[in-house]
Every structure is written in structure tokens, then in C-alpha cells.
Amino acid sequence: MFKLFLLLFFGYLLGSIPSGYLISKRKGVDIRKVGSGNIGGTNVSRAFGLKWGVIVGVLDIFKGVIPAYLAIHYLSSDWQMALVAVSPVLGHIFPVWIKFKGGKGVATSAGALFVLLGQKYVLILFLIWILTLLTVRVMSFASISMASFIPLMLWLDTRSLGYFALGFALAGLIFWAHRENIKRIKNQTEPKFKFKKSQEQLNNQ
């Protein structure tokens, strides 16, 4: 039980590290005051270009990878491993370091799923995400579309109730974090994602 609580605490604190915020501050900008105000890779990409958005995304992915990797090596219960896997996502969305206002949790969820899911099911989720993004060019819609399939992929791969519950937890957190985006999608006011540098947008803020 001590290992579980230790990994939960570690996972939350690691997830709480606001990668996008720290990188933007190093560049002299508070990302929370730019664009959508979100600290995730998408908003960083809009502000500083795709390269920086990818860097933030990769860092956020590893916040999910590390706790999940430790969990499968030091815990034996699926339910315990599922709890640890969701802890960095909670940290990312509700980071203690910046008043519990963080990112959307997609990249960090992807990191945990990369460890817990078989390659085939990770690839299916990635294809759902990338094909949706390329088709509609709305990052939030691609993310919530992918999230909708997480419980199914976890069940098909593991047949574990613990992991199945984890799927619903991750999907629910992602949907909750995108609640404002969902409103804008319904109103057709959600911005399109552009695969190019957008420094000009930052200069016009």
C-alpha cells in the first residue's frame, strides 16, 4: 500500500509540472495570457510555432509514461496500476504549482496508454486522432474523438475491469477539460489548427 501512495503522490506531482507554462515563461511570455490561455502544446504551437508545441507535447507525454512504467513494475493489481496511471493526468489538468489550472490531459493520457496498451491499440487511437485532425483540422475535436475510444481499446486489449474503469476516467477527464471547446464546436467558433509557425499571432496579441 505504501508503494501505491508513493507512486500516486509522485505521479500527481510529476503531472503538475507545467511544461508549456515554463517554456513560455523562459521565452518571456505567460502562455496563459495568449490565445486560448491553455498551457498545453496546441496553444504553445499557436504562439511560438509547431516545433515548440511538439516539444511541450513530448514532455507532457513523458509525464504519463514514467508513472505508468513504474506502476507496472512495482504494483500487481490492475486497479492500483490504473489509479497511478490517472494520477499524472489529474496533476496536468489540476497542477498545484499554478493554482490548479492546467492543460487538457490528452498528451499525458497518451503517455500512460502507450505503456499500458498493446501497440496495435495505441496505433488505432493514434490513427483516430490524426485522421480526425487532418479531416476537420480542429485539435479539440480530434482529441475528444480519440478519447471516446479509450475505454473500448483498454477493454479489448486487457479484458480488465480496472483498466476499463481507467478508460472511462481518462475519457471523462479529457471531456471535462474540453468543456469550453465543446461549446465552441457546437457554435462553430472553435479555431482551426494550422500546421505552421504563428509568431505573427503572438505579436498581434
C-alpha atoms as a PDB file:
ATOM      1  CA  MET A   1       0.000   0.000   0.000  1.00  0.00           C
ATOM      2  CA  PHE A   2       2.918   2.334   0.729  1.00  0.00           C
ATOM      3  CA  LYS A   3       4.191   1.850  -2.836  1.00  0.00           C
ATOM      4  CA  LEU A   4       0.756   2.762  -4.171  1.00  0.00           C
ATOM      5  CA  PHE A   5       0.519   6.008  -2.217  1.00  0.00           C
ATOM      6  CA  LEU A   6       4.111   6.894  -3.060  1.00  0.00           C
ATOM      7  CA  LEU A   7       3.504   6.385  -6.781  1.00  0.00           C
ATOM      8  CA  LEU A   8       0.207   8.287  -6.639  1.00  0.00           C
ATOM      9  CA  PHE A   9       1.938  11.227  -4.980  1.00  0.00           C
ATOM     10  CA  PHE A  10       4.852  11.088  -7.410  1.00  0.00           C
ATOM     11  CA  GLY A  11       2.528  10.776 -10.406  1.00  0.00           C
ATOM     12  CA  TYR A  12       0.451  13.776  -9.401  1.00  0.00           C
ATOM     13  CA  LEU A  13       3.480  15.986  -8.721  1.00  0.00           C
ATOM     14  CA  LEU A  14       5.157  14.961 -11.981  1.00  0.00           C
ATOM     15  CA  GLY A  15       1.945  15.611 -13.892  1.00  0.00           C
ATOM     16  CA  SER A  16       1.699  19.015 -12.220  1.00  0.00           C
ATOM     17  CA  ILE A  17       4.922  20.261 -13.819  1.00  0.00           C
ATOM     18  CA  PRO A  18       3.549  22.848 -16.296  1.00  0.00           C
ATOM     19  CA  SER A  19       5.823  22.264 -19.285  1.00  0.00           C
ATOM     20  CA  GLY A  20       4.092  24.731 -21.589  1.00  0.00           C
ATOM     21  CA  TYR A  21       3.995  27.438 -18.938  1.00  0.00           C
ATOM     22  CA  LEU A  22       7.678  27.029 -18.037  1.00  0.00           C
ATOM     23  CA  ILE A  23       8.835  27.105 -21.663  1.00  0.00           C
ATOM     24  CA  SER A  24       6.728  30.155 -22.474  1.00  0.00           C
ATOM     25  CA  LYS A  25       7.988  31.988 -19.373  1.00  0.00           C
ATOM     26  CA  ARG A  26      11.561  31.250 -20.442  1.00  0.00           C
ATOM     27  CA  LYS A  27      10.701  32.946 -23.734  1.00  0.00           C
ATOM     28  CA  GLY A  28       9.348  35.941 -21.827  1.00  0.00           C
ATOM     29  CA  VAL A  29       5.636  35.207 -22.284  1.00  0.00           C
ATOM     30  CA  ASP A  30       2.916  33.925 -19.962  1.00  0.00           C
ATOM     31  CA  ILE A  31       1.139  31.397 -22.195  1.00  0.00           C
ATOM     32  CA  ARG A  32      -1.968  31.741 -20.027  1.00  0.00           C
ATOM     33  CA  LYS A  33      -2.423  35.227 -21.476  1.00  0.00           C
ATOM     34  CA  VAL A  34      -2.007  34.173 -25.105  1.00  0.00           C
ATOM     35  CA  GLY A  35      -4.549  32.604 -27.435  1.00  0.00           C
ATOM     36  CA  SER A  36      -6.855  30.201 -25.613  1.00  0.00           C
ATOM     37  CA  GLY A  37      -4.930  30.659 -22.356  1.00  0.00           C
ATOM     38  CA  ASN A  38      -4.211  26.945 -22.150  1.00  0.00           C
ATOM     39  CA  ILE A  39      -0.729  25.730 -21.195  1.00  0.00           C
ATOM     40  CA  GLY A  40      -0.774  22.694 -23.498  1.00  0.00           C
ATOM     41  CA  GLY A  41       1.105  22.016 -26.701  1.00  0.00           C
ATOM     42  CA  THR A  42      -1.655  23.250 -29.007  1.00  0.00           C
ATOM     43  CA  ASN A  43      -1.700  26.761 -27.585  1.00  0.00           C
ATOM     44  CA  VAL A  44       2.101  26.841 -27.365  1.00  0.00           C
ATOM     45  CA  SER A  45       2.181  25.838 -31.031  1.00  0.00           C
ATOM     46  CA  ARG A  46      -0.143  28.681 -31.938  1.00  0.00           C
ATOM     47  CA  ALA A  47       2.029  31.118 -30.012  1.00  0.00           C
ATOM     48  CA  PHE A  48       5.567  30.022 -30.879  1.00  0.00           C
ATOM     49  CA  GLY A  49       5.280  27.609 -33.776  1.00  0.00           C
ATOM     50  CA  LEU A  50       4.864  23.875 -34.277  1.00  0.00           C
ATOM     51  CA  LYS A  51       8.359  22.974 -33.026  1.00  0.00           C
ATOM     52  CA  TRP A  52       7.710  24.335 -29.544  1.00  0.00           C
ATOM     53  CA  GLY A  53       4.266  22.783 -29.450  1.00  0.00           C
ATOM     54  CA  VAL A  54       5.789  19.383 -30.230  1.00  0.00           C
ATOM     55  CA  ILE A  55       8.431  19.830 -27.517  1.00  0.00           C
ATOM     56  CA  VAL A  56       5.729  20.605 -24.943  1.00  0.00           C
ATOM     57  CA  GLY A  57       3.669  17.665 -26.184  1.00  0.00           C
ATOM     58  CA  VAL A  58       6.574  15.238 -25.826  1.00  0.00           C
ATOM     59  CA  LEU A  59       7.345  16.471 -22.311  1.00  0.00           C
ATOM     60  CA  ASP A  60       3.686  16.071 -21.360  1.00  0.00           C
ATOM     61  CA  ILE A  61       3.640  12.563 -22.823  1.00  0.00           C
ATOM     62  CA  PHE A  62       6.564  11.512 -20.636  1.00  0.00           C
ATOM     63  CA  LYS A  63       4.677  12.752 -17.575  1.00  0.00           C
ATOM     64  CA  GLY A  64       2.254   9.917 -18.273  1.00  0.00           C
ATOM     65  CA  VAL A  65       4.852   7.358 -19.348  1.00  0.00           C
ATOM     66  CA  ILE A  66       7.024   7.420 -16.223  1.00  0.00           C
ATOM     67  CA  PRO A  67       4.369   6.774 -13.504  1.00  0.00           C
ATOM     68  CA  ALA A  68       2.669   4.087 -15.609  1.00  0.00           C
ATOM     69  CA  TYR A  69       6.007   2.369 -16.241  1.00  0.00           C
ATOM     70  CA  LEU A  70       6.828   2.385 -12.530  1.00  0.00           C
ATOM     71  CA  ALA A  71       3.341   1.126 -11.679  1.00  0.00           C
ATOM     72  CA  ILE A  72       3.549  -1.981 -13.863  1.00  0.00           C
ATOM     73  CA  HIS A  73       6.950  -2.828 -12.373  1.00  0.00           C
ATOM     74  CA  TYR A  74       6.167  -2.238  -8.696  1.00  0.00           C
ATOM     75  CA  LEU A  75       2.434  -2.953  -8.358  1.00  0.00           C
ATOM     76  CA  SER A  76       0.496  -6.130  -9.008  1.00  0.00           C
ATOM     77  CA  SER A  77      -3.160  -5.045  -9.047  1.00  0.00           C
ATOM     78  CA  ASP A  78      -4.759  -3.663 -12.212  1.00  0.00           C
ATOM     79  CA  TRP A  79      -6.842  -1.314 -10.088  1.00  0.00           C
ATOM     80  CA  GLN A  80      -3.740   0.069  -8.394  1.00  0.00           C
ATOM     81  CA  MET A  81      -1.923   0.492 -11.693  1.00  0.00           C
ATOM     82  CA  ALA A  82      -4.984   2.238 -13.118  1.00  0.00           C
ATOM     83  CA  LEU A  83      -5.031   4.694 -10.209  1.00  0.00           C
ATOM     84  CA  VAL A  84      -1.366   5.514 -10.702  1.00  0.00           C
ATOM     85  CA  ALA A  85      -1.886   5.926 -14.457  1.00  0.00           C
ATOM     86  CA  VAL A  86      -4.581   8.549 -13.920  1.00  0.00           C
ATOM     87  CA  SER A  87      -2.628  10.491 -11.269  1.00  0.00           C
ATOM     88  CA  PRO A  88      -0.345  12.439 -13.664  1.00  0.00           C
ATOM     89  CA  VAL A  89      -3.372  13.319 -15.798  1.00  0.00           C
ATOM     90  CA  LEU A  90      -5.039  14.804 -12.728  1.00  0.00           C
ATOM     91  CA  GLY A  91      -1.801  16.639 -11.999  1.00  0.00           C
ATOM     92  CA  HIS A  92      -1.627  18.002 -15.528  1.00  0.00           C
ATOM     93  CA  ILE A  93      -5.216  19.239 -15.528  1.00  0.00           C
ATOM     94  CA  PHE A  94      -5.114  20.469 -11.921  1.00  0.00           C
ATOM     95  CA  PRO A  95      -1.459  21.452 -11.294  1.00  0.00           C
ATOM     96  CA  VAL A  96      -0.690  22.522  -7.762  1.00  0.00           C
ATOM     97  CA  TRP A  97       2.072  24.857  -8.978  1.00  0.00           C
ATOM     98  CA  ILE A  98      -0.192  27.206 -10.972  1.00  0.00           C
ATOM     99  CA  LYS A  99      -3.412  27.346  -8.960  1.00  0.00           C
ATOM    100  CA  PHE A 100      -4.871  24.077 -10.312  1.00  0.00           C
ATOM    101  CA  LYS A 101      -5.478  25.498 -13.804  1.00  0.00           C
ATOM    102  CA  GLY A 102      -3.597  23.325 -16.261  1.00  0.00           C
ATOM    103  CA  GLY A 103      -3.863  21.643 -19.635  1.00  0.00           C
ATOM    104  CA  LYS A 104      -6.299  19.274 -21.293  1.00  0.00           C
ATOM    105  CA  GLY A 105      -4.642  15.997 -20.300  1.00  0.00           C
ATOM    106  CA  VAL A 106      -4.537  14.439 -23.776  1.00  0.00           C
ATOM    107  CA  ALA A 107      -0.761  14.091 -24.179  1.00  0.00           C
ATOM    108  CA  THR A 108      -0.287  12.857 -20.618  1.00  0.00           C
ATOM    109  CA  SER A 109      -3.093  10.311 -21.082  1.00  0.00           C
ATOM    110  CA  ALA A 110      -1.424   9.202 -24.316  1.00  0.00           C
ATOM    111  CA  GLY A 111       1.808   8.614 -22.410  1.00  0.00           C
ATOM    112  CA  ALA A 112       0.116   6.352 -19.881  1.00  0.00           C
ATOM    113  CA  LEU A 113      -1.745   4.479 -22.612  1.00  0.00           C
ATOM    114  CA  PHE A 114       1.491   3.981 -24.545  1.00  0.00           C
ATOM    115  CA  VAL A 115       2.777   1.960 -21.581  1.00  0.00           C
ATOM    116  CA  LEU A 116      -0.416   0.108 -20.694  1.00  0.00           C
ATOM    117  CA  LEU A 117      -1.861  -0.695 -24.124  1.00  0.00           C
ATOM    118  CA  GLY A 118      -0.596  -3.056 -26.768  1.00  0.00           C
ATOM    119  CA  GLN A 119       0.989  -1.466 -29.839  1.00  0.00           C
ATOM    120  CA  LYS A 120      -1.972  -2.300 -32.080  1.00  0.00           C
ATOM    121  CA  TYR A 121      -4.471  -0.433 -29.909  1.00  0.00           C
ATOM    122  CA  VAL A 122      -2.161   2.543 -29.386  1.00  0.00           C
ATOM    123  CA  LEU A 123      -1.851   2.758 -33.171  1.00  0.00           C
ATOM    124  CA  ILE A 124      -5.631   2.632 -33.583  1.00  0.00           C
ATOM    125  CA  LEU A 125      -6.075   5.539 -31.153  1.00  0.00           C
ATOM    126  CA  PHE A 126      -3.327   7.497 -32.892  1.00  0.00           C
ATOM    127  CA  LEU A 127      -4.922   6.928 -36.301  1.00  0.00           C
ATOM    128  CA  ILE A 128      -8.310   8.066 -34.991  1.00  0.00           C
ATOM    129  CA  TRP A 129      -6.672  11.222 -33.651  1.00  0.00           C
ATOM    130  CA  ILE A 130      -4.537  12.093 -36.679  1.00  0.00           C
ATOM    131  CA  LEU A 131      -7.196  11.268 -39.297  1.00  0.00           C
ATOM    132  CA  THR A 132      -9.785  13.337 -37.447  1.00  0.00           C
ATOM    133  CA  LEU A 133      -7.327  16.222 -37.107  1.00  0.00           C
ATOM    134  CA  LEU A 134      -6.373  16.114 -40.784  1.00  0.00           C
ATOM    135  CA  THR A 135     -10.033  15.927 -41.804  1.00  0.00           C
ATOM    136  CA  VAL A 136     -11.613  18.636 -39.645  1.00  0.00           C
ATOM    137  CA  ARG A 137      -8.427  20.489 -38.555  1.00  0.00           C
ATOM    138  CA  VAL A 138      -9.866  21.103 -35.087  1.00  0.00           C
ATOM    139  CA  MET A 139      -7.471  19.819 -32.423  1.00  0.00           C
ATOM    140  CA  SER A 140     -10.051  19.681 -29.639  1.00  0.00           C
ATOM    141  CA  PHE A 141     -12.491  17.677 -31.770  1.00  0.00           C
ATOM    142  CA  ALA A 142      -9.732  15.223 -32.705  1.00  0.00           C
ATOM    143  CA  SER A 143      -8.788  14.828 -29.047  1.00  0.00           C
ATOM    144  CA  ILE A 144     -12.281  14.175 -27.733  1.00  0.00           C
ATOM    145  CA  SER A 145     -12.988  11.844 -30.658  1.00  0.00           C
ATOM    146  CA  MET A 146      -9.921   9.804 -29.752  1.00  0.00           C
ATOM    147  CA  ALA A 147     -10.830   9.912 -26.056  1.00  0.00           C
ATOM    148  CA  SER A 148     -14.213   8.365 -26.816  1.00  0.00           C
ATOM    149  CA  PHE A 149     -12.469   5.159 -27.876  1.00  0.00           C
ATOM    150  CA  ILE A 150     -10.081   4.828 -24.915  1.00  0.00           C
ATOM    151  CA  PRO A 151     -12.357   2.610 -22.755  1.00  0.00           C
ATOM    152  CA  LEU A 152     -13.027   0.270 -25.690  1.00  0.00           C
ATOM    153  CA  MET A 153      -9.326  -0.056 -26.574  1.00  0.00           C
ATOM    154  CA  LEU A 154      -8.381  -0.805 -22.963  1.00  0.00           C
ATOM    155  CA  TRP A 155     -11.110  -3.427 -22.689  1.00  0.00           C
ATOM    156  CA  LEU A 156     -10.239  -5.120 -25.983  1.00  0.00           C
ATOM    157  CA  ASP A 157      -6.560  -5.260 -25.052  1.00  0.00           C
ATOM    158  CA  THR A 158      -6.734  -6.246 -21.375  1.00  0.00           C
ATOM    159  CA  ARG A 159     -10.248  -7.516 -20.538  1.00  0.00           C
ATOM    160  CA  SER A 160      -9.573  -5.901 -17.148  1.00  0.00           C
ATOM    161  CA  LEU A 161     -12.294  -4.065 -15.252  1.00  0.00           C
ATOM    162  CA  GLY A 162      -9.628  -1.910 -13.607  1.00  0.00           C
ATOM    163  CA  TYR A 163      -8.258  -0.761 -16.957  1.00  0.00           C
ATOM    164  CA  PHE A 164     -11.785  -0.421 -18.359  1.00  0.00           C
ATOM    165  CA  ALA A 165     -12.593   1.943 -15.481  1.00  0.00           C
ATOM    166  CA  LEU A 166      -9.333   3.773 -16.185  1.00  0.00           C
ATOM    167  CA  GLY A 167     -10.511   4.287 -19.759  1.00  0.00           C
ATOM    168  CA  PHE A 168     -13.704   5.961 -18.611  1.00  0.00           C
ATOM    169  CA  ALA A 169     -11.756   8.062 -16.097  1.00  0.00           C
ATOM    170  CA  LEU A 170      -9.332   9.309 -18.749  1.00  0.00           C
ATOM    171  CA  ALA A 171     -12.100   9.944 -21.272  1.00  0.00           C
ATOM    172  CA  GLY A 172     -14.177  11.757 -18.653  1.00  0.00           C
ATOM    173  CA  LEU A 173     -11.279  13.976 -17.606  1.00  0.00           C
ATOM    174  CA  ILE A 174     -10.468  14.834 -21.229  1.00  0.00           C
ATOM    175  CA  PHE A 175     -14.102  15.663 -21.981  1.00  0.00           C
ATOM    176  CA  TRP A 176     -14.337  17.791 -18.819  1.00  0.00           C
ATOM    177  CA  ALA A 177     -11.140  19.655 -19.670  1.00  0.00           C
ATOM    178  CA  HIS A 178     -12.543  20.352 -23.153  1.00  0.00           C
ATOM    179  CA  ARG A 179     -15.958  21.541 -21.974  1.00  0.00           C
ATOM    180  CA  GLU A 180     -15.414  25.093 -23.291  1.00  0.00           C
ATOM    181  CA  ASN A 181     -14.058  23.726 -26.564  1.00  0.00           C
ATOM    182  CA  ILE A 182     -17.155  21.555 -26.935  1.00  0.00           C
ATOM    183  CA  LYS A 183     -19.335  24.648 -26.581  1.00  0.00           C
ATOM    184  CA  ARG A 184     -17.328  26.418 -29.275  1.00  0.00           C
ATOM    185  CA  ILE A 185     -17.519  23.364 -31.535  1.00  0.00           C
ATOM    186  CA  LYS A 186     -21.314  23.388 -31.195  1.00  0.00           C
ATOM    187  CA  ASN A 187     -21.326  27.110 -32.010  1.00  0.00           C
ATOM    188  CA  GLN A 188     -18.852  26.551 -34.875  1.00  0.00           C
ATOM    189  CA  THR A 189     -16.438  29.078 -33.369  1.00  0.00           C
ATOM    190  CA  GLU A 190     -13.612  26.702 -32.448  1.00  0.00           C
ATOM    191  CA  PRO A 191     -10.412  27.765 -34.292  1.00  0.00           C
ATOM    192  CA  LYS A 192      -8.797  25.535 -36.881  1.00  0.00           C
ATOM    193  CA  PHE A 193      -5.347  24.109 -36.195  1.00  0.00           C
ATOM    194  CA  LYS A 194      -2.638  25.388 -38.545  1.00  0.00           C
ATOM    195  CA  PHE A 195       0.465  23.315 -39.237  1.00  0.00           C
ATOM    196  CA  LYS A 196       2.758  26.308 -39.438  1.00  0.00           C
ATOM    197  CA  LYS A 197       4.536  28.824 -37.284  1.00  0.00           C
ATOM    198  CA  SER A 198       2.254  31.500 -35.855  1.00  0.00           C
ATOM    199  CA  GLN A 199       4.607  34.024 -34.289  1.00  0.00           C
ATOM    200  CA  GLU A 200       2.633  36.779 -36.022  1.00  0.00           C
ATOM    201  CA  GLN A 201      -0.415  35.884 -33.931  1.00  0.00           C
ATOM    202  CA  LEU A 202       1.654  36.306 -30.788  1.00  0.00           C
ATOM    203  CA  ASN A 203       2.930  39.710 -31.907  1.00  0.00           C
ATOM    204  CA  ASN A 204      -0.635  40.848 -32.525  1.00  0.00           C
ATOM    205  CA  GLN A 205      -1.869  39.940 -29.043  1.00  0.00           C
END
